[in-house]
Amino acid sequence: MNYLNKSESAQRRDTRDRELTELYCEIYDNLRSRRVKNLRRVALEIALATGAPPYHVGYDRACIVVSHLLRHDTSFSLKSTVNQEMWLELTSKVECLMQQGKMSMSRAITLVLEQCRASRFYLTHDHAWAIIKRMLRLMHIRRPYGRVA
């Protein structure tokens, strides 16, 4: 394995992180000119709710989770409610494509991952803020740091 090449999931996460940070910066600058109170918190909430990122999961993981959820496997547990919401949305899109287009699950998953976007960023506030802080530091953009409360 070549460690210089990132996995598919890592590349998708990088794209998500960059899109989240760019959206946050755009909203932050817009709100700052309007003198909004609790600027960081409000900008983060708006960014999480209005962003439409690609799904940040790899094909292999998607096949495993979607197949379990399509079988209505109740023993299959997900870490958080945010992840659960994302997987349920992705599964419903795959199921819809399978029924409408009469295609296999693997083809439907490929189409959803390549062409569909999530309805929002499926991240907790703390995780999103950690991503934004890291990305701003990497991009050398100066924004106020601190915990978003």
C-alpha atoms as a PDB file:
ATOM      1  CA  MET A   1       0.000   0.000   0.000  1.00  0.00           C
ATOM      2  CA  ASN A   2       1.283   3.433  -0.885  1.00  0.00           C
ATOM      3  CA  TYR A   3       0.859   5.618   2.185  1.00  0.00           C
ATOM      4  CA  LEU A   4       1.134   8.786   0.110  1.00  0.00           C
ATOM      5  CA  ASN A   5      -2.224   8.010  -1.500  1.00  0.00           C
ATOM      6  CA  LYS A   6      -5.191   8.665   0.727  1.00  0.00           C
ATOM      7  CA  SER A   7      -8.082   6.258   0.996  1.00  0.00           C
ATOM      8  CA  GLU A   8     -11.380   7.090  -0.632  1.00  0.00           C
ATOM      9  CA  SER A   9     -12.938   7.923   2.746  1.00  0.00           C
ATOM     10  CA  ALA A  10     -10.022  10.181   3.697  1.00  0.00           C
ATOM     11  CA  GLN A  11     -10.331  12.079   0.423  1.00  0.00           C
ATOM     12  CA  ARG A  12     -14.068  12.517   0.974  1.00  0.00           C
ATOM     13  CA  ARG A  13     -13.475  13.754   4.538  1.00  0.00           C
ATOM     14  CA  ASP A  14     -10.892  16.258   3.270  1.00  0.00           C
ATOM     15  CA  THR A  15     -13.423  17.579   0.767  1.00  0.00           C
ATOM     16  CA  ARG A  16     -16.087  17.801   3.477  1.00  0.00           C
ATOM     17  CA  ASP A  17     -13.718  19.592   5.854  1.00  0.00           C
ATOM     18  CA  ARG A  18     -12.678  22.109   3.207  1.00  0.00           C
ATOM     19  CA  GLU A  19     -16.293  22.791   2.155  1.00  0.00           C
ATOM     20  CA  LEU A  20     -17.399  23.195   5.778  1.00  0.00           C
ATOM     21  CA  THR A  21     -14.584  25.641   6.523  1.00  0.00           C
ATOM     22  CA  GLU A  22     -15.163  27.691   3.375  1.00  0.00           C
ATOM     23  CA  LEU A  23     -18.899  27.884   4.076  1.00  0.00           C
ATOM     24  CA  TYR A  24     -18.254  28.817   7.716  1.00  0.00           C
ATOM     25  CA  CYS A  25     -15.844  31.605   6.673  1.00  0.00           C
ATOM     26  CA  GLU A  26     -18.323  32.985   4.159  1.00  0.00           C
ATOM     27  CA  ILE A  27     -21.161  32.992   6.707  1.00  0.00           C
ATOM     28  CA  TYR A  28     -18.881  34.349   9.438  1.00  0.00           C
ATOM     29  CA  ASP A  29     -17.824  37.317   7.285  1.00  0.00           C
ATOM     30  CA  ASN A  30     -21.411  38.021   6.283  1.00  0.00           C
ATOM     31  CA  LEU A  31     -22.663  37.916   9.865  1.00  0.00           C
ATOM     32  CA  ARG A  32     -19.738  39.983  11.158  1.00  0.00           C
ATOM     33  CA  SER A  33     -20.705  42.831   8.840  1.00  0.00           C
ATOM     34  CA  ARG A  34     -24.209  42.661  10.366  1.00  0.00           C
ATOM     35  CA  ARG A  35     -22.831  42.710  13.927  1.00  0.00           C
ATOM     36  CA  VAL A  36     -24.561  39.503  15.010  1.00  0.00           C
ATOM     37  CA  LYS A  37     -24.166  38.413  18.636  1.00  0.00           C
ATOM     38  CA  ASN A  38     -22.608  34.990  19.354  1.00  0.00           C
ATOM     39  CA  LEU A  39     -21.049  35.169  15.926  1.00  0.00           C
ATOM     40  CA  ARG A  40     -19.075  31.901  15.957  1.00  0.00           C
ATOM     41  CA  ARG A  41     -21.971  29.824  17.295  1.00  0.00           C
ATOM     42  CA  VAL A  42     -24.485  31.287  14.855  1.00  0.00           C
ATOM     43  CA  ALA A  43     -22.120  30.924  11.885  1.00  0.00           C
ATOM     44  CA  LEU A  44     -21.423  27.298  12.815  1.00  0.00           C
ATOM     45  CA  GLU A  45     -25.124  26.458  13.211  1.00  0.00           C
ATOM     46  CA  ILE A  46     -25.978  28.012   9.857  1.00  0.00           C
ATOM     47  CA  ALA A  47     -23.079  26.242   8.139  1.00  0.00           C
ATOM     48  CA  LEU A  48     -24.069  22.851   9.556  1.00  0.00           C
ATOM     49  CA  ALA A  49     -27.725  23.292   8.623  1.00  0.00           C
ATOM     50  CA  THR A  50     -27.334  24.730   5.132  1.00  0.00           C
ATOM     51  CA  GLY A  51     -24.303  22.955   3.737  1.00  0.00           C
ATOM     52  CA  ALA A  52     -24.730  20.203   1.159  1.00  0.00           C
ATOM     53  CA  PRO A  53     -21.516  18.178   1.243  1.00  0.00           C
ATOM     54  CA  PRO A  54     -20.835  14.913  -0.521  1.00  0.00           C
ATOM     55  CA  TYR A  55     -21.269  11.874   1.672  1.00  0.00           C
ATOM     56  CA  HIS A  56     -17.926  11.370   3.406  1.00  0.00           C
ATOM     57  CA  VAL A  57     -17.964   7.586   3.426  1.00  0.00           C
ATOM     58  CA  GLY A  58     -16.215   5.068   1.249  1.00  0.00           C
ATOM     59  CA  TYR A  59     -17.905   2.595  -1.033  1.00  0.00           C
ATOM     60  CA  ASP A  60     -16.955  -0.479   1.018  1.00  0.00           C
ATOM     61  CA  ARG A  61     -18.315   0.952   4.263  1.00  0.00           C
ATOM     62  CA  ALA A  62     -21.462   2.136   2.488  1.00  0.00           C
ATOM     63  CA  CYS A  63     -22.092  -1.370   1.126  1.00  0.00           C
ATOM     64  CA  ILE A  64     -21.841  -2.893   4.587  1.00  0.00           C
ATOM     65  CA  VAL A  65     -24.053  -0.373   6.381  1.00  0.00           C
ATOM     66  CA  VAL A  66     -26.650   0.030   3.628  1.00  0.00           C
ATOM     67  CA  SER A  67     -27.071  -3.728   3.208  1.00  0.00           C
ATOM     68  CA  HIS A  68     -27.678  -4.085   6.952  1.00  0.00           C
ATOM     69  CA  LEU A  69     -30.147  -1.212   7.005  1.00  0.00           C
ATOM     70  CA  LEU A  70     -32.006  -2.465   3.911  1.00  0.00           C
ATOM     71  CA  ARG A  71     -32.507  -5.791   5.680  1.00  0.00           C
ATOM     72  CA  HIS A  72     -33.861  -3.823   8.653  1.00  0.00           C
ATOM     73  CA  ASP A  73     -31.159  -5.360  10.820  1.00  0.00           C
ATOM     74  CA  THR A  74     -31.928  -3.995  14.290  1.00  0.00           C
ATOM     75  CA  SER A  75     -28.751  -5.461  15.764  1.00  0.00           C
ATOM     76  CA  PHE A  76     -26.679  -3.095  13.631  1.00  0.00           C
ATOM     77  CA  SER A  77     -25.835  -0.150  15.858  1.00  0.00           C
ATOM     78  CA  LEU A  78     -24.407   3.194  14.859  1.00  0.00           C
ATOM     79  CA  LYS A  79     -22.227   5.357  17.087  1.00  0.00           C
ATOM     80  CA  SER A  80     -24.309   8.508  17.222  1.00  0.00           C
ATOM     81  CA  THR A  81     -27.672   9.845  16.213  1.00  0.00           C
ATOM     82  CA  VAL A  82     -25.953  12.164  13.731  1.00  0.00           C
ATOM     83  CA  ASN A  83     -24.316   9.184  11.986  1.00  0.00           C
ATOM     84  CA  GLN A  84     -27.583   7.301  12.148  1.00  0.00           C
ATOM     85  CA  GLU A  85     -29.412  10.155  10.402  1.00  0.00           C
ATOM     86  CA  MET A  86     -26.770  10.265   7.665  1.00  0.00           C
ATOM     87  CA  TRP A  87     -26.909   6.515   7.044  1.00  0.00           C
ATOM     88  CA  LEU A  88     -30.699   6.490   6.992  1.00  0.00           C
ATOM     89  CA  GLU A  89     -30.729   9.301   4.418  1.00  0.00           C
ATOM     90  CA  LEU A  90     -28.134   7.556   2.271  1.00  0.00           C
ATOM     91  CA  THR A  91     -29.998   4.244   2.542  1.00  0.00           C
ATOM     92  CA  SER A  92     -33.304   5.819   1.538  1.00  0.00           C
ATOM     93  CA  LYS A  93     -31.679   7.319  -1.584  1.00  0.00           C
ATOM     94  CA  VAL A  94     -30.158   3.946  -2.483  1.00  0.00           C
ATOM     95  CA  GLU A  95     -33.465   2.169  -1.902  1.00  0.00           C
ATOM     96  CA  CYS A  96     -35.320   4.709  -4.053  1.00  0.00           C
ATOM     97  CA  LEU A  97     -32.827   4.260  -6.915  1.00  0.00           C
ATOM     98  CA  MET A  98     -33.068   0.495  -6.635  1.00  0.00           C
ATOM     99  CA  GLN A  99     -36.868   0.578  -6.892  1.00  0.00           C
ATOM    100  CA  GLN A 100     -37.112   3.231  -9.609  1.00  0.00           C
ATOM    101  CA  GLY A 101     -34.217   2.229 -11.795  1.00  0.00           C
ATOM    102  CA  LYS A 102     -34.321  -1.514 -11.204  1.00  0.00           C
ATOM    103  CA  MET A 103     -30.603  -1.519 -10.465  1.00  0.00           C
ATOM    104  CA  SER A 104     -28.425  -3.451  -8.081  1.00  0.00           C
ATOM    105  CA  MET A 105     -27.563  -2.177  -4.641  1.00  0.00           C
ATOM    106  CA  SER A 106     -23.895  -1.744  -5.537  1.00  0.00           C
ATOM    107  CA  ARG A 107     -24.727   0.363  -8.618  1.00  0.00           C
ATOM    108  CA  ALA A 108     -27.198   2.466  -6.595  1.00  0.00           C
ATOM    109  CA  ILE A 109     -24.600   3.069  -3.880  1.00  0.00           C
ATOM    110  CA  THR A 110     -22.051   4.101  -6.500  1.00  0.00           C
ATOM    111  CA  LEU A 111     -24.505   6.591  -8.021  1.00  0.00           C
ATOM    112  CA  VAL A 112     -25.458   8.077  -4.656  1.00  0.00           C
ATOM    113  CA  LEU A 113     -21.839   8.470  -3.534  1.00  0.00           C
ATOM    114  CA  GLU A 114     -20.721   9.968  -6.844  1.00  0.00           C
ATOM    115  CA  GLN A 115     -23.676  12.171  -7.771  1.00  0.00           C
ATOM    116  CA  CYS A 116     -25.785  12.920  -4.704  1.00  0.00           C
ATOM    117  CA  ARG A 117     -25.071  15.365  -1.937  1.00  0.00           C
ATOM    118  CA  ALA A 118     -26.143  15.096   1.677  1.00  0.00           C
ATOM    119  CA  SER A 119     -28.940  17.365   2.848  1.00  0.00           C
ATOM    120  CA  ARG A 120     -26.640  18.878   5.486  1.00  0.00           C
ATOM    121  CA  PHE A 121     -23.355  18.332   7.290  1.00  0.00           C
ATOM    122  CA  TYR A 122     -23.823  15.343   9.569  1.00  0.00           C
ATOM    123  CA  LEU A 123     -21.487  16.476  12.340  1.00  0.00           C
ATOM    124  CA  THR A 124     -21.883  17.389  15.974  1.00  0.00           C
ATOM    125  CA  HIS A 125     -21.108  20.994  16.924  1.00  0.00           C
ATOM    126  CA  ASP A 126     -17.952  19.998  18.801  1.00  0.00           C
ATOM    127  CA  HIS A 127     -16.605  17.882  15.940  1.00  0.00           C
ATOM    128  CA  ALA A 128     -17.432  20.564  13.364  1.00  0.00           C
ATOM    129  CA  TRP A 129     -15.711  23.233  15.446  1.00  0.00           C
ATOM    130  CA  ALA A 130     -12.600  21.048  15.831  1.00  0.00           C
ATOM    131  CA  ILE A 131     -12.514  20.562  12.039  1.00  0.00           C
ATOM    132  CA  ILE A 132     -12.908  24.288  11.399  1.00  0.00           C
ATOM    133  CA  LYS A 133     -10.158  25.219  13.853  1.00  0.00           C
ATOM    134  CA  ARG A 134      -7.773  22.708  12.292  1.00  0.00           C
ATOM    135  CA  MET A 135      -8.591  23.790   8.740  1.00  0.00           C
ATOM    136  CA  LEU A 136      -8.257  27.500   9.540  1.00  0.00           C
ATOM    137  CA  ARG A 137      -4.852  26.813  11.047  1.00  0.00           C
ATOM    138  CA  LEU A 138      -3.802  24.838   7.955  1.00  0.00           C
ATOM    139  CA  MET A 139      -5.147  27.532   5.628  1.00  0.00           C
ATOM    140  CA  HIS A 140      -3.454  30.284   7.674  1.00  0.00           C
ATOM    141  CA  ILE A 141      -6.742  32.149   8.070  1.00  0.00           C
ATOM    142  CA  ARG A 142      -7.100  34.187  11.208  1.00  0.00           C
ATOM    143  CA  ARG A 143     -10.410  33.745  12.996  1.00  0.00           C
ATOM    144  CA  PRO A 144     -11.138  33.906  16.701  1.00  0.00           C
ATOM    145  CA  TYR A 145     -10.498  30.572  18.352  1.00  0.00           C
ATOM    146  CA  GLY A 146     -12.199  29.200  21.362  1.00  0.00           C
ATOM    147  CA  ARG A 147     -15.039  26.913  22.171  1.00  0.00           C
ATOM    148  CA  VAL A 148     -18.307  27.530  20.412  1.00  0.00           C
ATOM    149  CA  ALA A 149     -20.987  27.440  23.059  1.00  0.00           C
END
